[in-house]
Amino acid sequence: MISISRFGRFASIAVVAGSVMLGGVSAQAQDVAPEHLQAARSAISALGVTNRFDAILPNIMDRLTGQLIQAYPNLEDEISMKVEESALKLASRRGDLEREAALVYAKAFTAEELQEMTAFYSSETGKKLLKDGPIATRELLKAADIWTAGVARDLEKEVNDSLLQAVQAQAPKP
């Protein structure tokens, strides 16, 4: 059961993680220019590529809390408190993922390409594409499935009709 105060703690974890994300460069990033890495950070922020990972720590917390409460039901409050305390200590590790993501993007794209991505995906059109693009893609896939079924049906019919004509033409005349 998640209470309002627990939600506040989740928000605190997000704030701590967000502030740490702006931290330094990992040792692996030494071969990437700082301005290139910053361009990558801006791009991944505009794209929101790591947003899906925001729920990982809260989900792990919920799962662990549930497991421990099931094993020790009389310690529910203490378990919740200890799990949240420990999770807050680990929240800073979210910044590690941001640094790795920036490094991955910096190695895949030039600084100029990253700046162009940032500009586009920070624009209203880019934001709309991020928001509505998955819906459009899903609808396109539905349309492609319908189109594929129609093409397959029509191809089969035409080939069967042609073969039937060929067989009839080869059949002995009475």
N, C-alpha and C. Protein backbone atom coordinates (compact mmCIF):
# COMPACT_ATOMS: atom_id res chain seq x y z
N MET A 1 0.85 -1.16 0.00
CA MET A 1 0.00 0.00 0.00
C MET A 1 0.90 1.24 0.00
N ILE A 2 0.69 2.15 -0.95
CA ILE A 2 1.52 3.35 -1.05
C ILE A 2 0.74 4.52 -0.50
N SER A 3 1.29 5.16 0.50
CA SER A 3 0.61 6.31 1.10
C SER A 3 1.08 7.59 0.43
N ILE A 4 0.43 8.70 0.77
CA ILE A 4 0.80 10.00 0.22
C ILE A 4 2.23 10.34 0.62
N SER A 5 2.60 10.06 1.88
CA SER A 5 3.97 10.38 2.31
C SER A 5 4.97 9.54 1.52
N ARG A 6 4.61 8.35 1.17
CA ARG A 6 5.49 7.49 0.38
C ARG A 6 5.66 8.09 -1.01
N PHE A 7 4.59 8.61 -1.56
CA PHE A 7 4.68 9.28 -2.86
C PHE A 7 5.64 10.46 -2.77
N GLY A 8 5.58 11.18 -1.67
CA GLY A 8 6.50 12.30 -1.45
C GLY A 8 7.94 11.83 -1.41
N ARG A 9 8.16 10.66 -0.85
CA ARG A 9 9.52 10.12 -0.81
C ARG A 9 9.97 9.74 -2.21
N PHE A 10 9.07 9.19 -3.02
CA PHE A 10 9.41 8.88 -4.41
C PHE A 10 9.81 10.15 -5.14
N ALA A 11 9.07 11.23 -4.87
CA ALA A 11 9.40 12.52 -5.50
C ALA A 11 10.77 12.99 -5.04
N SER A 12 11.06 12.78 -3.76
CA SER A 12 12.39 13.16 -3.25
C SER A 12 13.48 12.38 -3.95
N ILE A 13 13.25 11.11 -4.18
CA ILE A 13 14.23 10.28 -4.89
C ILE A 13 14.44 10.84 -6.28
N ALA A 14 13.37 11.22 -6.95
CA ALA A 14 13.48 11.77 -8.30
C ALA A 14 14.27 13.07 -8.30
N VAL A 15 14.04 13.92 -7.29
CA VAL A 15 14.76 15.19 -7.21
C VAL A 15 16.25 14.94 -6.97
N VAL A 16 16.57 14.03 -6.05
CA VAL A 16 17.97 13.71 -5.79
C VAL A 16 18.62 13.16 -7.06
N ALA A 17 17.94 12.23 -7.72
CA ALA A 17 18.49 11.65 -8.94
C ALA A 17 18.67 12.71 -10.01
N GLY A 18 17.70 13.59 -10.15
CA GLY A 18 17.80 14.64 -11.16
C GLY A 18 18.95 15.58 -10.91
N SER A 19 19.20 15.91 -9.66
CA SER A 19 20.30 16.82 -9.37
C SER A 19 21.63 16.16 -9.59
N VAL A 20 21.70 14.86 -9.36
CA VAL A 20 22.95 14.14 -9.56
C VAL A 20 23.23 13.93 -11.04
N MET A 21 22.18 13.86 -11.86
CA MET A 21 22.35 13.65 -13.29
C MET A 21 23.19 14.73 -13.93
N LEU A 22 23.24 15.87 -13.33
CA LEU A 22 24.00 16.97 -13.89
C LEU A 22 25.47 16.91 -13.48
N GLY A 23 25.86 15.85 -12.78
CA GLY A 23 27.21 15.68 -12.26
C GLY A 23 28.26 15.47 -13.32
N GLY A 24 29.44 15.05 -12.87
CA GLY A 24 30.63 14.93 -13.71
C GLY A 24 30.60 13.83 -14.74
N VAL A 25 31.73 13.70 -15.42
CA VAL A 25 31.89 12.78 -16.53
C VAL A 25 32.54 11.50 -16.03
N SER A 26 32.06 10.35 -16.53
CA SER A 26 32.65 9.09 -16.12
C SER A 26 34.04 8.92 -16.74
N ALA A 27 34.80 8.01 -16.16
CA ALA A 27 36.16 7.77 -16.65
C ALA A 27 36.15 7.31 -18.09
N GLN A 28 35.11 6.59 -18.51
CA GLN A 28 35.03 6.11 -19.88
C GLN A 28 34.81 7.25 -20.86
N ALA A 29 34.37 8.38 -20.40
CA ALA A 29 34.04 9.49 -21.29
C ALA A 29 35.23 10.41 -21.53
N GLN A 30 36.40 10.03 -21.01
CA GLN A 30 37.56 10.90 -21.14
C GLN A 30 37.95 11.15 -22.59
N ASP A 31 37.63 10.22 -23.49
CA ASP A 31 37.98 10.40 -24.89
C ASP A 31 36.93 11.19 -25.67
N VAL A 32 35.91 11.68 -24.99
CA VAL A 32 34.87 12.50 -25.61
C VAL A 32 35.01 13.92 -25.07
N ALA A 33 35.05 14.89 -25.98
CA ALA A 33 35.18 16.28 -25.57
C ALA A 33 34.01 16.68 -24.67
N PRO A 34 34.27 17.48 -23.64
CA PRO A 34 33.20 17.88 -22.71
C PRO A 34 32.02 18.54 -23.42
N GLU A 35 32.28 19.37 -24.44
CA GLU A 35 31.17 20.02 -25.15
C GLU A 35 30.36 19.01 -25.96
N HIS A 36 31.02 17.96 -26.44
CA HIS A 36 30.33 16.90 -27.17
C HIS A 36 29.43 16.12 -26.21
N LEU A 37 29.96 15.82 -25.04
CA LEU A 37 29.19 15.11 -24.02
C LEU A 37 28.00 15.96 -23.55
N GLN A 38 28.22 17.27 -23.43
CA GLN A 38 27.12 18.15 -23.03
C GLN A 38 26.04 18.19 -24.12
N ALA A 39 26.46 18.18 -25.38
CA ALA A 39 25.49 18.14 -26.48
C ALA A 39 24.68 16.84 -26.41
N ALA A 40 25.35 15.75 -26.06
CA ALA A 40 24.66 14.46 -25.92
C ALA A 40 23.67 14.51 -24.77
N ARG A 41 24.07 15.10 -23.65
CA ARG A 41 23.15 15.23 -22.50
C ARG A 41 21.92 16.05 -22.87
N SER A 42 22.14 17.12 -23.60
CA SER A 42 21.01 17.96 -24.02
C SER A 42 20.08 17.17 -24.94
N ALA A 43 20.66 16.41 -25.85
CA ALA A 43 19.84 15.63 -26.78
C ALA A 43 19.03 14.56 -26.06
N ILE A 44 19.68 13.82 -25.15
CA ILE A 44 18.92 12.76 -24.47
C ILE A 44 17.85 13.36 -23.56
N SER A 45 18.11 14.55 -23.06
CA SER A 45 17.09 15.24 -22.27
C SER A 45 15.91 15.64 -23.16
N ALA A 46 16.21 16.23 -24.32
CA ALA A 46 15.14 16.65 -25.24
C ALA A 46 14.36 15.44 -25.74
N LEU A 47 15.06 14.35 -26.00
CA LEU A 47 14.41 13.13 -26.50
C LEU A 47 13.69 12.37 -25.39
N GLY A 48 14.12 12.57 -24.16
CA GLY A 48 13.52 11.85 -23.05
C GLY A 48 13.85 10.36 -23.07
N VAL A 49 15.01 10.01 -23.65
CA VAL A 49 15.33 8.59 -23.83
C VAL A 49 15.51 7.82 -22.53
N THR A 50 15.87 8.49 -21.46
CA THR A 50 16.06 7.76 -20.20
C THR A 50 14.87 7.91 -19.25
N ASN A 51 13.84 8.62 -19.66
CA ASN A 51 12.68 8.82 -18.79
C ASN A 51 12.03 7.50 -18.38
N ARG A 52 12.06 6.53 -19.26
CA ARG A 52 11.42 5.24 -18.97
C ARG A 52 12.08 4.54 -17.79
N PHE A 53 13.29 4.95 -17.44
CA PHE A 53 14.01 4.31 -16.35
C PHE A 53 13.72 4.95 -14.99
N ASP A 54 12.95 6.03 -14.98
CA ASP A 54 12.64 6.72 -13.73
C ASP A 54 11.89 5.84 -12.73
N ALA A 55 11.13 4.90 -13.22
CA ALA A 55 10.30 4.08 -12.34
C ALA A 55 11.04 2.85 -11.81
N ILE A 56 12.27 2.63 -12.24
CA ILE A 56 12.97 1.40 -11.84
C ILE A 56 13.15 1.33 -10.33
N LEU A 57 13.74 2.33 -9.72
CA LEU A 57 13.98 2.28 -8.28
C LEU A 57 12.68 2.19 -7.48
N PRO A 58 11.67 3.01 -7.77
CA PRO A 58 10.40 2.85 -7.04
C PRO A 58 9.78 1.45 -7.22
N ASN A 59 9.91 0.88 -8.43
CA ASN A 59 9.37 -0.47 -8.65
C ASN A 59 10.13 -1.51 -7.83
N ILE A 60 11.45 -1.37 -7.80
CA ILE A 60 12.26 -2.29 -7.00
C ILE A 60 11.89 -2.14 -5.52
N MET A 61 11.71 -0.89 -5.09
CA MET A 61 11.32 -0.64 -3.70
C MET A 61 10.00 -1.33 -3.37
N ASP A 62 9.01 -1.16 -4.24
CA ASP A 62 7.71 -1.78 -4.00
C ASP A 62 7.80 -3.30 -3.94
N ARG A 63 8.55 -3.87 -4.88
CA ARG A 63 8.69 -5.32 -4.91
C ARG A 63 9.38 -5.83 -3.64
N LEU A 64 10.48 -5.18 -3.27
CA LEU A 64 11.22 -5.60 -2.06
C LEU A 64 10.36 -5.41 -0.81
N THR A 65 9.69 -4.26 -0.72
CA THR A 65 8.83 -4.01 0.43
C THR A 65 7.75 -5.08 0.55
N GLY A 66 7.13 -5.40 -0.57
CA GLY A 66 6.09 -6.44 -0.57
C GLY A 66 6.63 -7.80 -0.13
N GLN A 67 7.80 -8.16 -0.64
CA GLN A 67 8.40 -9.44 -0.28
C GLN A 67 8.73 -9.49 1.21
N LEU A 68 9.32 -8.41 1.71
CA LEU A 68 9.71 -8.39 3.12
C LEU A 68 8.50 -8.36 4.05
N ILE A 69 7.48 -7.61 3.68
CA ILE A 69 6.26 -7.56 4.51
C ILE A 69 5.56 -8.91 4.51
N GLN A 70 5.61 -9.60 3.39
CA GLN A 70 5.01 -10.93 3.34
C GLN A 70 5.76 -11.88 4.29
N ALA A 71 7.08 -11.73 4.33
CA ALA A 71 7.88 -12.59 5.21
C ALA A 71 7.79 -12.16 6.68
N TYR A 72 7.68 -10.84 6.91
CA TYR A 72 7.67 -10.29 8.27
C TYR A 72 6.52 -9.28 8.42
N PRO A 73 5.29 -9.76 8.42
CA PRO A 73 4.14 -8.84 8.43
C PRO A 73 4.08 -7.92 9.66
N ASN A 74 4.65 -8.33 10.76
CA ASN A 74 4.60 -7.50 11.97
C ASN A 74 5.60 -6.35 11.92
N LEU A 75 6.45 -6.27 10.88
CA LEU A 75 7.45 -5.20 10.76
C LEU A 75 7.16 -4.26 9.58
N GLU A 76 5.92 -4.18 9.18
CA GLU A 76 5.56 -3.41 7.98
C GLU A 76 6.09 -1.98 7.99
N ASP A 77 5.86 -1.24 9.05
CA ASP A 77 6.31 0.16 9.10
C ASP A 77 7.83 0.27 9.05
N GLU A 78 8.50 -0.59 9.81
CA GLU A 78 9.96 -0.55 9.84
C GLU A 78 10.54 -0.95 8.47
N ILE A 79 9.94 -1.95 7.84
CA ILE A 79 10.40 -2.38 6.51
C ILE A 79 10.26 -1.23 5.52
N SER A 80 9.10 -0.60 5.51
CA SER A 80 8.87 0.51 4.59
C SER A 80 9.89 1.62 4.81
N MET A 81 10.15 1.95 6.06
CA MET A 81 11.08 3.01 6.39
C MET A 81 12.50 2.64 5.94
N LYS A 82 12.93 1.41 6.23
CA LYS A 82 14.30 0.98 5.88
C LYS A 82 14.49 0.91 4.37
N VAL A 83 13.50 0.40 3.67
CA VAL A 83 13.61 0.31 2.20
C VAL A 83 13.70 1.71 1.61
N GLU A 84 12.88 2.63 2.08
CA GLU A 84 12.90 4.00 1.57
C GLU A 84 14.22 4.70 1.90
N GLU A 85 14.71 4.49 3.12
CA GLU A 85 16.01 5.06 3.52
C GLU A 85 17.13 4.59 2.59
N SER A 86 17.16 3.30 2.39
CA SER A 86 18.21 2.72 1.54
C SER A 86 18.07 3.16 0.09
N ALA A 87 16.85 3.25 -0.37
CA ALA A 87 16.61 3.68 -1.75
C ALA A 87 17.07 5.12 -1.96
N LEU A 88 16.84 5.97 -0.98
CA LEU A 88 17.31 7.36 -1.09
C LEU A 88 18.82 7.41 -1.23
N LYS A 89 19.52 6.52 -0.54
CA LYS A 89 20.98 6.47 -0.66
C LYS A 89 21.40 6.03 -2.06
N LEU A 90 20.60 5.18 -2.68
CA LEU A 90 20.94 4.66 -4.01
C LEU A 90 20.47 5.55 -5.15
N ALA A 91 19.60 6.51 -4.86
CA ALA A 91 19.03 7.35 -5.91
C ALA A 91 20.09 8.09 -6.71
N SER A 92 21.19 8.42 -6.06
CA SER A 92 22.25 9.16 -6.77
C SER A 92 22.85 8.34 -7.91
N ARG A 93 22.69 7.04 -7.87
CA ARG A 93 23.23 6.20 -8.93
C ARG A 93 22.48 6.36 -10.24
N ARG A 94 21.35 7.02 -10.22
CA ARG A 94 20.60 7.30 -11.45
C ARG A 94 21.45 8.16 -12.37
N GLY A 95 22.29 9.02 -11.80
CA GLY A 95 23.19 9.86 -12.58
C GLY A 95 24.18 9.04 -13.40
N ASP A 96 24.55 7.86 -12.90
CA ASP A 96 25.45 6.99 -13.65
C ASP A 96 24.83 6.59 -14.98
N LEU A 97 23.54 6.29 -14.95
CA LEU A 97 22.84 5.90 -16.18
C LEU A 97 22.78 7.07 -17.16
N GLU A 98 22.57 8.27 -16.65
CA GLU A 98 22.53 9.45 -17.51
C GLU A 98 23.89 9.67 -18.18
N ARG A 99 24.96 9.50 -17.41
CA ARG A 99 26.31 9.66 -17.98
C ARG A 99 26.57 8.61 -19.05
N GLU A 100 26.17 7.39 -18.79
CA GLU A 100 26.37 6.32 -19.77
C GLU A 100 25.55 6.59 -21.03
N ALA A 101 24.33 7.05 -20.85
CA ALA A 101 23.48 7.37 -22.00
C ALA A 101 24.11 8.49 -22.82
N ALA A 102 24.63 9.50 -22.15
CA ALA A 102 25.28 10.61 -22.86
C ALA A 102 26.50 10.11 -23.61
N LEU A 103 27.25 9.22 -23.02
CA LEU A 103 28.43 8.67 -23.68
C LEU A 103 28.03 7.86 -24.92
N VAL A 104 27.00 7.05 -24.78
CA VAL A 104 26.51 6.26 -25.92
C VAL A 104 26.10 7.18 -27.07
N TYR A 105 25.35 8.22 -26.76
CA TYR A 105 24.91 9.15 -27.80
C TYR A 105 26.07 9.95 -28.37
N ALA A 106 27.02 10.33 -27.52
CA ALA A 106 28.19 11.09 -27.99
C ALA A 106 29.02 10.26 -28.95
N LYS A 107 29.09 8.97 -28.70
CA LYS A 107 29.86 8.10 -29.60
C LYS A 107 29.10 7.78 -30.89
N ALA A 108 27.79 7.85 -30.84
CA ALA A 108 26.97 7.51 -32.02
C ALA A 108 26.74 8.72 -32.93
N PHE A 109 26.77 9.92 -32.38
CA PHE A 109 26.42 11.11 -33.15
C PHE A 109 27.48 12.19 -32.94
N THR A 110 27.62 13.04 -33.94
CA THR A 110 28.53 14.18 -33.81
C THR A 110 27.88 15.21 -32.90
N ALA A 111 28.68 16.14 -32.41
CA ALA A 111 28.14 17.21 -31.57
C ALA A 111 27.12 18.03 -32.35
N GLU A 112 27.40 18.27 -33.63
CA GLU A 112 26.45 19.04 -34.46
C GLU A 112 25.13 18.29 -34.62
N GLU A 113 25.18 16.99 -34.86
CA GLU A 113 23.95 16.20 -34.98
C GLU A 113 23.16 16.23 -33.68
N LEU A 114 23.85 16.12 -32.57
CA LEU A 114 23.18 16.16 -31.27
C LEU A 114 22.52 17.51 -31.03
N GLN A 115 23.18 18.59 -31.44
CA GLN A 115 22.61 19.93 -31.29
C GLN A 115 21.38 20.08 -32.17
N GLU A 116 21.43 19.51 -33.37
CA GLU A 116 20.26 19.56 -34.26
C GLU A 116 19.09 18.77 -33.67
N MET A 117 19.39 17.60 -33.08
CA MET A 117 18.34 16.81 -32.44
C MET A 117 17.71 17.59 -31.29
N THR A 118 18.58 18.19 -30.48
CA THR A 118 18.09 18.96 -29.34
C THR A 118 17.18 20.09 -29.81
N ALA A 119 17.62 20.80 -30.84
CA ALA A 119 16.81 21.91 -31.35
C ALA A 119 15.46 21.41 -31.84
N PHE A 120 15.47 20.33 -32.62
CA PHE A 120 14.21 19.82 -33.15
C PHE A 120 13.30 19.30 -32.05
N TYR A 121 13.82 18.41 -31.20
CA TYR A 121 12.98 17.78 -30.19
C TYR A 121 12.61 18.71 -29.04
N SER A 122 13.22 19.88 -28.98
CA SER A 122 12.81 20.90 -28.02
C SER A 122 11.74 21.81 -28.60
N SER A 123 11.57 21.74 -29.93
CA SER A 123 10.55 22.56 -30.59
C SER A 123 9.17 21.94 -30.35
N GLU A 124 8.13 22.71 -30.63
CA GLU A 124 6.77 22.21 -30.46
C GLU A 124 6.52 21.00 -31.37
N THR A 125 7.04 21.06 -32.59
CA THR A 125 6.86 19.93 -33.52
C THR A 125 7.58 18.70 -33.00
N GLY A 126 8.79 18.86 -32.51
CA GLY A 126 9.53 17.73 -31.96
C GLY A 126 8.84 17.13 -30.75
N LYS A 127 8.32 17.99 -29.87
CA LYS A 127 7.60 17.51 -28.69
C LYS A 127 6.34 16.75 -29.11
N LYS A 128 5.67 17.26 -30.14
CA LYS A 128 4.47 16.59 -30.64
C LYS A 128 4.83 15.24 -31.24
N LEU A 129 5.93 15.18 -31.96
CA LEU A 129 6.38 13.90 -32.53
C LEU A 129 6.66 12.89 -31.42
N LEU A 130 7.33 13.32 -30.37
CA LEU A 130 7.60 12.41 -29.25
C LEU A 130 6.31 11.94 -28.59
N LYS A 131 5.35 12.85 -28.48
CA LYS A 131 4.09 12.53 -27.81
C LYS A 131 3.18 11.67 -28.69
N ASP A 132 3.00 12.09 -29.94
CA ASP A 132 2.03 11.43 -30.82
C ASP A 132 2.64 10.44 -31.80
N GLY A 133 3.96 10.43 -31.93
CA GLY A 133 4.62 9.51 -32.85
C GLY A 133 4.31 8.05 -32.58
N PRO A 134 4.37 7.60 -31.32
CA PRO A 134 4.06 6.19 -31.06
C PRO A 134 2.62 5.82 -31.44
N ILE A 135 1.69 6.74 -31.25
CA ILE A 135 0.30 6.48 -31.63
C ILE A 135 0.20 6.37 -33.15
N ALA A 136 0.86 7.30 -33.86
CA ALA A 136 0.85 7.26 -35.32
C ALA A 136 1.50 5.98 -35.83
N THR A 137 2.57 5.57 -35.21
CA THR A 137 3.25 4.33 -35.61
C THR A 137 2.35 3.12 -35.39
N ARG A 138 1.68 3.08 -34.25
CA ARG A 138 0.75 1.97 -33.98
C ARG A 138 -0.35 1.92 -35.02
N GLU A 139 -0.91 3.08 -35.36
CA GLU A 139 -1.97 3.13 -36.36
C GLU A 139 -1.44 2.73 -37.74
N LEU A 140 -0.21 3.15 -38.05
CA LEU A 140 0.41 2.77 -39.32
C LEU A 140 0.61 1.26 -39.39
N LEU A 141 1.04 0.65 -38.30
CA LEU A 141 1.22 -0.80 -38.29
C LEU A 141 -0.10 -1.53 -38.49
N LYS A 142 -1.19 -1.01 -37.91
CA LYS A 142 -2.51 -1.59 -38.15
C LYS A 142 -2.87 -1.50 -39.62
N ALA A 143 -2.65 -0.31 -40.21
CA ALA A 143 -2.95 -0.11 -41.63
C ALA A 143 -2.10 -1.03 -42.49
N ALA A 144 -0.83 -1.21 -42.13
CA ALA A 144 0.06 -2.09 -42.89
C ALA A 144 -0.41 -3.54 -42.81
N ASP A 145 -0.91 -3.96 -41.66
CA ASP A 145 -1.44 -5.31 -41.52
C ASP A 145 -2.65 -5.52 -42.43
N ILE A 146 -3.53 -4.54 -42.46
CA ILE A 146 -4.72 -4.63 -43.32
C ILE A 146 -4.29 -4.64 -44.78
N TRP A 147 -3.36 -3.77 -45.15
CA TRP A 147 -2.86 -3.69 -46.52
C TRP A 147 -2.20 -5.01 -46.92
N THR A 148 -1.39 -5.58 -46.02
CA THR A 148 -0.71 -6.85 -46.28
C THR A 148 -1.72 -7.96 -46.53
N ALA A 149 -2.75 -8.03 -45.71
CA ALA A 149 -3.78 -9.05 -45.89
C ALA A 149 -4.48 -8.89 -47.24
N GLY A 150 -4.76 -7.65 -47.62
CA GLY A 150 -5.41 -7.40 -48.91
C GLY A 150 -4.51 -7.78 -50.09
N VAL A 151 -3.23 -7.41 -50.01
CA VAL A 151 -2.30 -7.74 -51.08
C VAL A 151 -2.14 -9.26 -51.19
N ALA A 152 -2.01 -9.93 -50.05
CA ALA A 152 -1.86 -11.39 -50.05
C ALA A 152 -3.10 -12.06 -50.65
N ARG A 153 -4.27 -11.58 -50.27
CA ARG A 153 -5.52 -12.13 -50.80
C ARG A 153 -5.60 -11.93 -52.31
N ASP A 154 -5.31 -10.71 -52.76
CA ASP A 154 -5.40 -10.41 -54.19
C ASP A 154 -4.35 -11.16 -55.00
N LEU A 155 -3.14 -11.30 -54.47
CA LEU A 155 -2.09 -12.04 -55.16
C LEU A 155 -2.49 -13.50 -55.30
N GLU A 156 -2.98 -14.07 -54.21
CA GLU A 156 -3.40 -15.47 -54.25
C GLU A 156 -4.53 -15.67 -55.26
N LYS A 157 -5.50 -14.76 -55.27
CA LYS A 157 -6.62 -14.88 -56.20
C LYS A 157 -6.14 -14.77 -57.64
N GLU A 158 -5.29 -13.79 -57.95
CA GLU A 158 -4.80 -13.63 -59.32
C GLU A 158 -3.99 -14.82 -59.78
N VAL A 159 -3.12 -15.32 -58.93
CA VAL A 159 -2.30 -16.47 -59.30
C VAL A 159 -3.19 -17.70 -59.49
N ASN A 160 -4.13 -17.92 -58.58
CA ASN A 160 -5.04 -19.06 -58.73
C ASN A 160 -5.86 -18.94 -60.00
N ASP A 161 -6.36 -17.74 -60.31
CA ASP A 161 -7.12 -17.54 -61.54
C ASP A 161 -6.26 -17.83 -62.77
N SER A 162 -5.01 -17.34 -62.76
CA SER A 162 -4.10 -17.58 -63.90
C SER A 162 -3.79 -19.05 -64.05
N LEU A 163 -3.53 -19.71 -62.94
CA LEU A 163 -3.24 -21.14 -63.00
C LEU A 163 -4.45 -21.93 -63.48
N LEU A 164 -5.61 -21.55 -63.03
CA LEU A 164 -6.83 -22.21 -63.46
C LEU A 164 -7.00 -22.07 -64.97
N GLN A 165 -6.74 -20.89 -65.50
CA GLN A 165 -6.82 -20.66 -66.95
C GLN A 165 -5.79 -21.52 -67.69
N ALA A 166 -4.58 -21.61 -67.15
CA ALA A 166 -3.53 -22.40 -67.77
C ALA A 166 -3.90 -23.88 -67.76
N VAL A 167 -4.43 -24.37 -66.67
CA VAL A 167 -4.84 -25.77 -66.57
C VAL A 167 -5.98 -26.05 -67.54
N GLN A 168 -6.93 -25.14 -67.63
CA GLN A 168 -8.07 -25.31 -68.54
C GLN A 168 -7.60 -25.29 -69.99
N ALA A 169 -6.60 -24.47 -70.31
CA ALA A 169 -6.08 -24.39 -71.68
C ALA A 169 -5.36 -25.68 -72.05
N GLN A 170 -4.76 -26.37 -71.10
CA GLN A 170 -4.02 -27.61 -71.37
C GLN A 170 -4.92 -28.82 -71.35
N ALA A 171 -6.11 -28.68 -70.82
CA ALA A 171 -7.02 -29.81 -70.73
C ALA A 171 -7.45 -30.24 -72.13
N PRO A 172 -7.56 -31.55 -72.35
CA PRO A 172 -7.99 -32.03 -73.68
C PRO A 172 -9.39 -31.53 -73.99
N LYS A 173 -9.56 -31.18 -75.25
CA LYS A 173 -10.88 -30.71 -75.70
C LYS A 173 -11.74 -31.92 -76.02
N PRO A 174 -12.99 -31.93 -75.60
CA PRO A 174 -13.86 -33.09 -75.89
C PRO A 174 -14.38 -33.13 -77.30
